[in-house]
Amino acid sequence: MTAAAEHELVLERIYDAAPETVFKALTTPGLLKKWFAPAPWSIVSADCDLRPGGSAGIVMKSPEGQEFPNPGVYLEVIPNKRIVSTDAFTPGWNPAGPFMVAIIDLEDLGDGRTKYTARARHWTAEAKQQHEQMGFHEGWGQTADQLGELLKTL
């Protein structure tokens, strides 16, 4: 097992939508607000400056009304194929307290279907374990299912 795999959490889905449609749902602020937070949480704002170093900021809101900013930057954006972002930096390449690198890969399966693979890579085994205990599989799984429901309407 590689160091990356040791510190990586992975989630996969197959969507009945073309990669272009999935990419649009991943990168359009108004669409992100519809699926990106596990219900009953919500998204207050989403900033998608789709370029290396561009802002990847999401503000989540708890059912009790607390807001949780999640600032970060995009590291790589390949339209309809891949999005890589991290919370290790904020815009302007200002260092932040790193927790993970998020990698979303979209694989065109043909016939209008897309394989969605989400990876959360952590700097340490402890950070990976913390993310698992925070509910990575449940939370990211729920949002991936919410994305699937949204894609049926696009």
Protein backbone atom coordinates (compact mmCIF):
# COMPACT_ATOMS: atom_id res chain seq x y z
CA MET A 1 0.00 0.00 0.00
CA THR A 2 1.35 3.43 -0.92
CA ALA A 3 1.54 6.29 1.55
CA ALA A 4 -1.24 8.07 -0.37
CA ALA A 5 -3.49 5.01 -0.16
CA GLU A 6 -2.78 4.63 3.56
CA HIS A 7 -4.07 8.15 4.14
CA GLU A 8 -6.91 8.07 1.60
CA LEU A 9 -10.66 7.65 1.90
CA VAL A 10 -12.54 6.78 -1.30
CA LEU A 11 -16.15 6.95 -2.41
CA GLU A 12 -17.49 5.85 -5.82
CA ARG A 13 -20.81 6.18 -7.63
CA ILE A 14 -22.09 5.53 -11.14
CA TYR A 15 -24.40 8.26 -12.41
CA ASP A 16 -26.82 8.16 -15.31
CA ALA A 17 -25.47 11.48 -16.57
CA ALA A 18 -22.72 12.53 -18.96
CA PRO A 19 -19.44 13.80 -17.46
CA GLU A 20 -20.30 17.32 -18.71
CA THR A 21 -23.50 17.31 -16.63
CA VAL A 22 -21.77 15.96 -13.53
CA PHE A 23 -18.97 18.54 -13.90
CA LYS A 24 -21.56 21.30 -14.20
CA ALA A 25 -23.20 20.16 -10.93
CA LEU A 26 -19.77 20.09 -9.25
CA THR A 27 -18.76 23.57 -10.36
CA THR A 28 -21.89 25.73 -10.53
CA PRO A 29 -22.51 27.52 -7.20
CA GLY A 30 -26.30 27.42 -7.52
CA LEU A 31 -26.22 23.67 -8.17
CA LEU A 32 -23.65 22.98 -5.42
CA LYS A 33 -26.04 24.57 -2.93
CA LYS A 34 -28.62 21.90 -3.80
CA TRP A 35 -26.54 18.82 -2.97
CA PHE A 36 -23.14 19.50 -1.39
CA ALA A 37 -24.16 19.42 2.31
CA PRO A 38 -25.68 16.34 3.92
CA ALA A 39 -29.31 17.20 4.73
CA PRO A 40 -30.50 18.75 6.99
CA TRP A 41 -27.34 20.87 6.67
CA SER A 42 -27.27 23.44 3.87
CA ILE A 43 -24.84 25.53 1.84
CA VAL A 44 -24.93 29.29 2.48
CA SER A 45 -22.41 30.18 -0.22
CA ALA A 46 -20.17 28.49 -2.75
CA ASP A 47 -17.21 30.11 -4.51
CA CYS A 48 -15.90 28.31 -7.59
CA ASP A 49 -13.00 30.13 -9.25
CA LEU A 50 -12.08 27.17 -11.46
CA ARG A 51 -8.33 27.58 -11.98
CA PRO A 52 -5.23 26.54 -10.06
CA GLY A 53 -5.04 28.91 -7.10
CA GLY A 54 -8.68 29.95 -7.51
CA SER A 55 -10.99 30.01 -4.53
CA ALA A 56 -12.85 26.81 -3.62
CA GLY A 57 -14.84 28.23 -0.71
CA ILE A 58 -17.93 26.61 0.74
CA VAL A 59 -19.88 27.81 3.79
CA MET A 60 -22.03 25.12 5.42
CA LYS A 61 -24.89 25.85 7.78
CA SER A 62 -25.98 23.48 10.54
CA PRO A 63 -29.66 22.84 11.30
CA GLU A 64 -29.14 25.05 14.39
CA GLY A 65 -28.01 27.96 12.22
CA GLN A 66 -24.24 27.84 12.84
CA GLU A 67 -22.12 28.62 9.80
CA PHE A 68 -18.92 26.71 9.05
CA PRO A 69 -16.60 28.26 6.40
CA ASN A 70 -14.48 25.78 4.45
CA PRO A 71 -11.97 27.89 2.50
CA GLY A 72 -9.53 26.37 0.08
CA VAL A 73 -8.10 26.53 -3.41
CA TYR A 74 -8.24 24.54 -6.58
CA LEU A 75 -4.99 22.80 -7.49
CA GLU A 76 -6.09 21.21 -10.78
CA VAL A 77 -9.18 21.55 -12.95
CA ILE A 78 -9.65 19.44 -16.08
CA PRO A 79 -13.16 20.13 -17.37
CA ASN A 80 -15.42 17.06 -17.34
CA LYS A 81 -12.60 14.87 -15.96
CA ARG A 82 -10.98 16.01 -12.70
CA ILE A 83 -11.12 18.55 -9.89
CA VAL A 84 -8.45 18.72 -7.19
CA SER A 85 -8.75 21.12 -4.25
CA THR A 86 -7.23 21.52 -0.81
CA ASP A 87 -7.77 23.33 2.44
CA ALA A 88 -3.99 23.57 2.93
CA PHE A 89 -4.10 26.99 1.27
CA THR A 90 -6.54 29.83 0.92
CA PRO A 91 -6.61 32.14 -2.13
CA GLY A 92 -3.31 33.88 -2.79
CA TRP A 93 -1.52 30.70 -1.72
CA ASN A 94 -1.78 31.67 1.93
CA PRO A 95 -1.01 28.62 4.09
CA ALA A 96 -3.84 27.29 6.23
CA GLY A 97 -4.20 24.38 8.63
CA PRO A 98 -4.12 21.46 6.18
CA PHE A 99 -6.58 18.62 6.64
CA MET A 100 -6.91 17.06 3.20
CA VAL A 101 -6.71 17.19 -0.56
CA ALA A 102 -10.00 16.36 -2.32
CA ILE A 103 -9.74 14.66 -5.71
CA ILE A 104 -12.84 14.14 -7.84
CA ASP A 105 -12.38 12.03 -10.97
CA LEU A 106 -15.07 11.63 -13.63
CA GLU A 107 -14.78 8.68 -16.00
CA ASP A 108 -16.96 8.61 -19.11
CA LEU A 109 -18.50 5.13 -19.23
CA GLY A 110 -20.25 5.81 -22.51
CA ASP A 111 -24.01 5.64 -23.04
CA GLY A 112 -24.49 8.79 -20.93
CA ARG A 113 -23.07 7.35 -17.71
CA THR A 114 -20.23 8.61 -15.52
CA LYS A 115 -18.14 6.93 -12.84
CA TYR A 116 -17.62 9.43 -10.02
CA THR A 117 -14.66 8.76 -7.71
CA ALA A 118 -14.08 11.05 -4.74
CA ARG A 119 -10.85 10.75 -2.78
CA ALA A 120 -9.92 12.53 0.42
CA ARG A 121 -6.14 12.35 0.94
CA HIS A 122 -4.81 13.30 4.35
CA TRP A 123 -1.35 14.25 5.53
CA THR A 124 -1.39 11.75 8.39
CA ALA A 125 -3.05 8.51 9.42
CA GLU A 126 -4.49 10.40 12.39
CA ALA A 127 -6.19 12.95 10.12
CA LYS A 128 -7.63 10.12 8.01
CA GLN A 129 -8.94 8.42 11.14
CA GLN A 130 -10.41 11.70 12.38
CA HIS A 131 -12.20 12.18 9.06
CA GLU A 132 -13.59 8.63 9.22
CA GLN A 133 -14.82 9.26 12.77
CA MET A 134 -16.41 12.54 11.65
CA GLY A 135 -18.53 10.44 9.29
CA PHE A 136 -16.72 10.61 5.94
CA HIS A 137 -18.50 7.59 4.44
CA GLU A 138 -21.93 8.61 5.73
CA GLY A 139 -21.62 12.33 4.94
CA TRP A 140 -19.84 12.10 1.60
CA GLY A 141 -22.05 9.14 0.70
CA GLN A 142 -25.20 11.11 1.46
CA THR A 143 -24.03 14.09 -0.59
CA ALA A 144 -23.04 11.79 -3.48
CA ASP A 145 -26.56 10.33 -3.39
CA GLN A 146 -28.04 13.85 -3.28
CA LEU A 147 -25.90 14.70 -6.32
CA GLY A 148 -27.30 11.64 -8.08
CA GLU A 149 -30.86 12.82 -7.41
CA LEU A 150 -30.05 16.31 -8.68
CA LEU A 151 -28.49 14.90 -11.85
CA LYS A 152 -31.83 13.26 -12.70
CA THR A 153 -33.31 16.76 -13.01
CA LEU A 154 -30.58 18.31 -15.21
